[in-house]
Amino acid sequence: MAHMQTTTRVPALWTAAYGPQRPRIVRVLARCLLRARAFARDLALADHVPYGGY
């Protein structure tokens, strides 16, 4: 049985990415960093699932 882990959020990046008081460019860059972090985490976990991940 595969173990499903919940996604962890980086509070500083999360508030920067979705906070209404931030400039647009800061929000865009923070969202890109969150996506890159999530991709790297999924890629690292791909070797640990029985069906091969990606």
PDB file of N, CA and C in Angstrom:
ATOM      1  N   MET A   1       0.847  -1.182   0.000  1.00  0.00           N
ATOM      2  CA  MET A   1       0.000   0.000   0.000  1.00  0.00           C
ATOM      3  C   MET A   1       0.891   1.244   0.000  1.00  0.00           C
ATOM      4  N   ALA A   2       0.606   2.154  -0.876  1.00  0.00           N
ATOM      5  CA  ALA A   2       1.382   3.391  -0.963  1.00  0.00           C
ATOM      6  C   ALA A   2       0.979   4.334   0.164  1.00  0.00           C
ATOM      7  N   HIS A   3       1.947   5.006   0.708  1.00  0.00           N
ATOM      8  CA  HIS A   3       1.681   5.954   1.780  1.00  0.00           C
ATOM      9  C   HIS A   3       1.470   7.340   1.171  1.00  0.00           C
ATOM     10  N   MET A   4       0.315   7.923   1.410  1.00  0.00           N
ATOM     11  CA  MET A   4       0.017   9.247   0.880  1.00  0.00           C
ATOM     12  C   MET A   4       0.396  10.294   1.930  1.00  0.00           C
ATOM     13  N   GLN A   5       1.262  11.206   1.553  1.00  0.00           N
ATOM     14  CA  GLN A   5       1.660  12.261   2.464  1.00  0.00           C
ATOM     15  C   GLN A   5       0.942  13.553   2.089  1.00  0.00           C
ATOM     16  N   THR A   6       0.620  14.324   3.102  1.00  0.00           N
ATOM     17  CA  THR A   6      -0.005  15.618   2.825  1.00  0.00           C
ATOM     18  C   THR A   6       1.066  16.601   2.383  1.00  0.00           C
ATOM     19  N   THR A   7       0.681  17.550   1.586  1.00  0.00           N
ATOM     20  CA  THR A   7       1.640  18.552   1.151  1.00  0.00           C
ATOM     21  C   THR A   7       1.931  19.506   2.302  1.00  0.00           C
ATOM     22  N   THR A   8       3.168  19.862   2.413  1.00  0.00           N
ATOM     23  CA  THR A   8       3.548  20.810   3.449  1.00  0.00           C
ATOM     24  C   THR A   8       3.706  22.177   2.805  1.00  0.00           C
ATOM     25  N   ARG A   9       3.346  23.189   3.537  1.00  0.00           N
ATOM     26  CA  ARG A   9       3.420  24.549   3.009  1.00  0.00           C
ATOM     27  C   ARG A   9       4.489  25.323   3.750  1.00  0.00           C
ATOM     28  N   VAL A  10       5.191  26.139   3.010  1.00  0.00           N
ATOM     29  CA  VAL A  10       6.153  27.043   3.604  1.00  0.00           C
ATOM     30  C   VAL A  10       5.384  28.321   3.917  1.00  0.00           C
ATOM     31  N   PRO A  11       5.178  28.631   5.196  1.00  0.00           N
ATOM     32  CA  PRO A  11       4.309  29.769   5.536  1.00  0.00           C
ATOM     33  C   PRO A  11       4.735  31.090   4.898  1.00  0.00           C
ATOM     34  N   ALA A  12       6.030  31.372   4.862  1.00  0.00           N
ATOM     35  CA  ALA A  12       6.482  32.645   4.290  1.00  0.00           C
ATOM     36  C   ALA A  12       6.185  32.700   2.794  1.00  0.00           C
ATOM     37  N   LEU A  13       6.444  31.624   2.082  1.00  0.00           N
ATOM     38  CA  LEU A  13       6.150  31.602   0.647  1.00  0.00           C
ATOM     39  C   LEU A  13       4.653  31.611   0.393  1.00  0.00           C
ATOM     40  N   TRP A  14       3.919  30.894   1.212  1.00  0.00           N
ATOM     41  CA  TRP A  14       2.475  30.815   1.015  1.00  0.00           C
ATOM     42  C   TRP A  14       1.825  32.183   1.178  1.00  0.00           C
ATOM     43  N   THR A  15       2.205  32.911   2.224  1.00  0.00           N
ATOM     44  CA  THR A  15       1.615  34.238   2.424  1.00  0.00           C
ATOM     45  C   THR A  15       2.094  35.225   1.364  1.00  0.00           C
ATOM     46  N   ALA A  16       3.328  35.057   0.906  1.00  0.00           N
ATOM     47  CA  ALA A  16       3.819  35.934  -0.161  1.00  0.00           C
ATOM     48  C   ALA A  16       3.111  35.638  -1.479  1.00  0.00           C
ATOM     49  N   ALA A  17       2.806  34.371  -1.720  1.00  0.00           N
ATOM     50  CA  ALA A  17       2.185  33.979  -2.986  1.00  0.00           C
ATOM     51  C   ALA A  17       0.709  34.350  -3.049  1.00  0.00           C
ATOM     52  N   TYR A  18       0.034  34.331  -1.907  1.00  0.00           N
ATOM     53  CA  TYR A  18      -1.410  34.533  -1.930  1.00  0.00           C
ATOM     54  C   TYR A  18      -1.884  35.688  -1.052  1.00  0.00           C
ATOM     55  N   GLY A  19      -0.960  36.456  -0.513  1.00  0.00           N
ATOM     56  CA  GLY A  19      -1.341  37.609   0.299  1.00  0.00           C
ATOM     57  C   GLY A  19      -1.768  38.773  -0.574  1.00  0.00           C
ATOM     58  N   PRO A  20      -2.884  39.400  -0.263  1.00  0.00           N
ATOM     59  CA  PRO A  20      -3.397  40.485  -1.112  1.00  0.00           C
ATOM     60  C   PRO A  20      -2.554  41.760  -1.042  1.00  0.00           C
ATOM     61  N   GLN A  21      -1.744  41.904  -0.008  1.00  0.00           N
ATOM     62  CA  GLN A  21      -0.962  43.139   0.144  1.00  0.00           C
ATOM     63  C   GLN A  21       0.360  43.092  -0.619  1.00  0.00           C
ATOM     64  N   ARG A  22       0.683  41.994  -1.239  1.00  0.00           N
ATOM     65  CA  ARG A  22       1.963  41.859  -1.939  1.00  0.00           C
ATOM     66  C   ARG A  22       1.875  42.393  -3.362  1.00  0.00           C
ATOM     67  N   PRO A  23       2.974  42.950  -3.874  1.00  0.00           N
ATOM     68  CA  PRO A  23       2.995  43.350  -5.290  1.00  0.00           C
ATOM     69  C   PRO A  23       2.841  42.128  -6.195  1.00  0.00           C
ATOM     70  N   ARG A  24       2.328  42.354  -7.376  1.00  0.00           N
ATOM     71  CA  ARG A  24       2.043  41.250  -8.296  1.00  0.00           C
ATOM     72  C   ARG A  24       3.283  40.427  -8.617  1.00  0.00           C
ATOM     73  N   ILE A  25       4.415  41.065  -8.849  1.00  0.00           N
ATOM     74  CA  ILE A  25       5.627  40.332  -9.223  1.00  0.00           C
ATOM     75  C   ILE A  25       6.098  39.430  -8.076  1.00  0.00           C
ATOM     76  N   VAL A  26       5.934  39.881  -6.846  1.00  0.00           N
ATOM     77  CA  VAL A  26       6.310  39.066  -5.682  1.00  0.00           C
ATOM     78  C   VAL A  26       5.416  37.838  -5.598  1.00  0.00           C
ATOM     79  N   ARG A  27       4.122  38.029  -5.835  1.00  0.00           N
ATOM     80  CA  ARG A  27       3.188  36.897  -5.797  1.00  0.00           C
ATOM     81  C   ARG A  27       3.508  35.885  -6.889  1.00  0.00           C
ATOM     82  N   VAL A  28       3.820  36.365  -8.088  1.00  0.00           N
ATOM     83  CA  VAL A  28       4.136  35.466  -9.202  1.00  0.00           C
ATOM     84  C   VAL A  28       5.406  34.673  -8.902  1.00  0.00           C
ATOM     85  N   LEU A  29       6.444  35.347  -8.421  1.00  0.00           N
ATOM     86  CA  LEU A  29       7.688  34.647  -8.105  1.00  0.00           C
ATOM     87  C   LEU A  29       7.507  33.651  -6.967  1.00  0.00           C
ATOM     88  N   ALA A  30       6.749  34.006  -5.958  1.00  0.00           N
ATOM     89  CA  ALA A  30       6.510  33.092  -4.843  1.00  0.00           C
ATOM     90  C   ALA A  30       5.724  31.865  -5.300  1.00  0.00           C
ATOM     91  N   ARG A  31       4.765  32.056  -6.184  1.00  0.00           N
ATOM     92  CA  ARG A  31       4.008  30.908  -6.703  1.00  0.00           C
ATOM     93  C   ARG A  31       4.894  29.999  -7.533  1.00  0.00           C
ATOM     94  N   CYS A  32       5.797  30.589  -8.308  1.00  0.00           N
ATOM     95  CA  CYS A  32       6.745  29.781  -9.089  1.00  0.00           C
ATOM     96  C   CYS A  32       7.648  28.970  -8.168  1.00  0.00           C
ATOM     97  N   LEU A  33       8.105  29.586  -7.085  1.00  0.00           N
ATOM     98  CA  LEU A  33       8.936  28.862  -6.125  1.00  0.00           C
ATOM     99  C   LEU A  33       8.169  27.740  -5.448  1.00  0.00           C
ATOM    100  N   LEU A  34       6.913  27.970  -5.121  1.00  0.00           N
ATOM    101  CA  LEU A  34       6.099  26.914  -4.525  1.00  0.00           C
ATOM    102  C   LEU A  34       5.907  25.752  -5.489  1.00  0.00           C
ATOM    103  N   ARG A  35       5.672  26.058  -6.765  1.00  0.00           N
ATOM    104  CA  ARG A  35       5.511  24.993  -7.760  1.00  0.00           C
ATOM    105  C   ARG A  35       6.809  24.216  -7.950  1.00  0.00           C
ATOM    106  N   ALA A  36       7.934  24.927  -7.999  1.00  0.00           N
ATOM    107  CA  ALA A  36       9.230  24.261  -8.162  1.00  0.00           C
ATOM    108  C   ALA A  36       9.535  23.375  -6.960  1.00  0.00           C
ATOM    109  N   ARG A  37       9.204  23.861  -5.777  1.00  0.00           N
ATOM    110  CA  ARG A  37       9.425  23.078  -4.555  1.00  0.00           C
ATOM    111  C   ARG A  37       8.559  21.819  -4.554  1.00  0.00           C
ATOM    112  N   ALA A  38       7.303  21.961  -4.957  1.00  0.00           N
ATOM    113  CA  ALA A  38       6.398  20.811  -5.010  1.00  0.00           C
ATOM    114  C   ALA A  38       6.871  19.799  -6.048  1.00  0.00           C
ATOM    115  N   PHE A  39       7.338  20.281  -7.203  1.00  0.00           N
ATOM    116  CA  PHE A  39       7.844  19.381  -8.238  1.00  0.00           C
ATOM    117  C   PHE A  39       9.081  18.631  -7.752  1.00  0.00           C
ATOM    118  N   ALA A  40      10.008  19.341  -7.117  1.00  0.00           N
ATOM    119  CA  ALA A  40      11.225  18.695  -6.616  1.00  0.00           C
ATOM    120  C   ALA A  40      10.883  17.651  -5.556  1.00  0.00           C
ATOM    121  N   ARG A  41       9.920  17.962  -4.710  1.00  0.00           N
ATOM    122  CA  ARG A  41       9.506  17.006  -3.673  1.00  0.00           C
ATOM    123  C   ARG A  41       8.868  15.768  -4.305  1.00  0.00           C
ATOM    124  N   ASP A  42       7.983  15.963  -5.284  1.00  0.00           N
ATOM    125  CA  ASP A  42       7.358  14.833  -5.969  1.00  0.00           C
ATOM    126  C   ASP A  42       8.387  13.994  -6.702  1.00  0.00           C
ATOM    127  N   LEU A  43       9.355  14.655  -7.310  1.00  0.00           N
ATOM    128  CA  LEU A  43      10.396  13.935  -8.022  1.00  0.00           C
ATOM    129  C   LEU A  43      11.253  13.108  -7.062  1.00  0.00           C
ATOM    130  N   ALA A  44      11.549  13.662  -5.900  1.00  0.00           N
ATOM    131  CA  ALA A  44      12.324  12.931  -4.901  1.00  0.00           C
ATOM    132  C   ALA A  44      11.545  11.735  -4.363  1.00  0.00           C
ATOM    133  N   LEU A  45      10.227  11.879  -4.240  1.00  0.00           N
ATOM    134  CA  LEU A  45       9.411  10.782  -3.732  1.00  0.00           C
ATOM    135  C   LEU A  45       9.081   9.752  -4.800  1.00  0.00           C
ATOM    136  N   ALA A  46       9.330  10.054  -6.052  1.00  0.00           N
ATOM    137  CA  ALA A  46       8.967   9.141  -7.150  1.00  0.00           C
ATOM    138  C   ALA A  46       9.692   7.802  -7.037  1.00  0.00           C
ATOM    139  N   ASP A  47      10.868   7.791  -6.475  1.00  0.00           N
ATOM    140  CA  ASP A  47      11.610   6.538  -6.326  1.00  0.00           C
ATOM    141  C   ASP A  47      11.060   5.674  -5.201  1.00  0.00           C
ATOM    142  N   HIS A  48      10.155   6.205  -4.405  1.00  0.00           N
ATOM    143  CA  HIS A  48       9.698   5.492  -3.229  1.00  0.00           C
ATOM    144  C   HIS A  48       8.264   4.990  -3.339  1.00  0.00           C
ATOM    145  N   VAL A  49       7.700   5.031  -4.532  1.00  0.00           N
ATOM    146  CA  VAL A  49       6.359   4.510  -4.711  1.00  0.00           C
ATOM    147  C   VAL A  49       6.430   3.262  -5.588  1.00  0.00           C
ATOM    148  N   PRO A  50       5.560   2.303  -5.372  1.00  0.00           N
ATOM    149  CA  PRO A  50       5.663   1.037  -6.092  1.00  0.00           C
ATOM    150  C   PRO A  50       5.405   1.117  -7.589  1.00  0.00           C
ATOM    151  N   TYR A  51       4.669   2.115  -8.049  1.00  0.00           N
ATOM    152  CA  TYR A  51       4.336   2.177  -9.472  1.00  0.00           C
ATOM    153  C   TYR A  51       5.271   3.079 -10.268  1.00  0.00           C
ATOM    154  N   GLY A  52       6.351   3.573  -9.675  1.00  0.00           N
ATOM    155  CA  GLY A  52       7.363   4.315 -10.406  1.00  0.00           C
ATOM    156  C   GLY A  52       7.218   5.809 -10.413  1.00  0.00           C
ATOM    157  N   GLY A  53       6.147   6.345  -9.863  1.00  0.00           N
ATOM    158  CA  GLY A  53       6.011   7.804  -9.811  1.00  0.00           C
ATOM    159  C   GLY A  53       5.731   8.387 -11.169  1.00  0.00           C
ATOM    160  N   TYR A  54       6.665   9.167 -11.688  1.00  0.00           N
ATOM    161  CA  TYR A  54       6.478   9.798 -12.985  1.00  0.00           C
ATOM    162  C   TYR A  54       6.759   8.756 -14.030  1.00  0.00           C
TER     163      TYR A  54
END
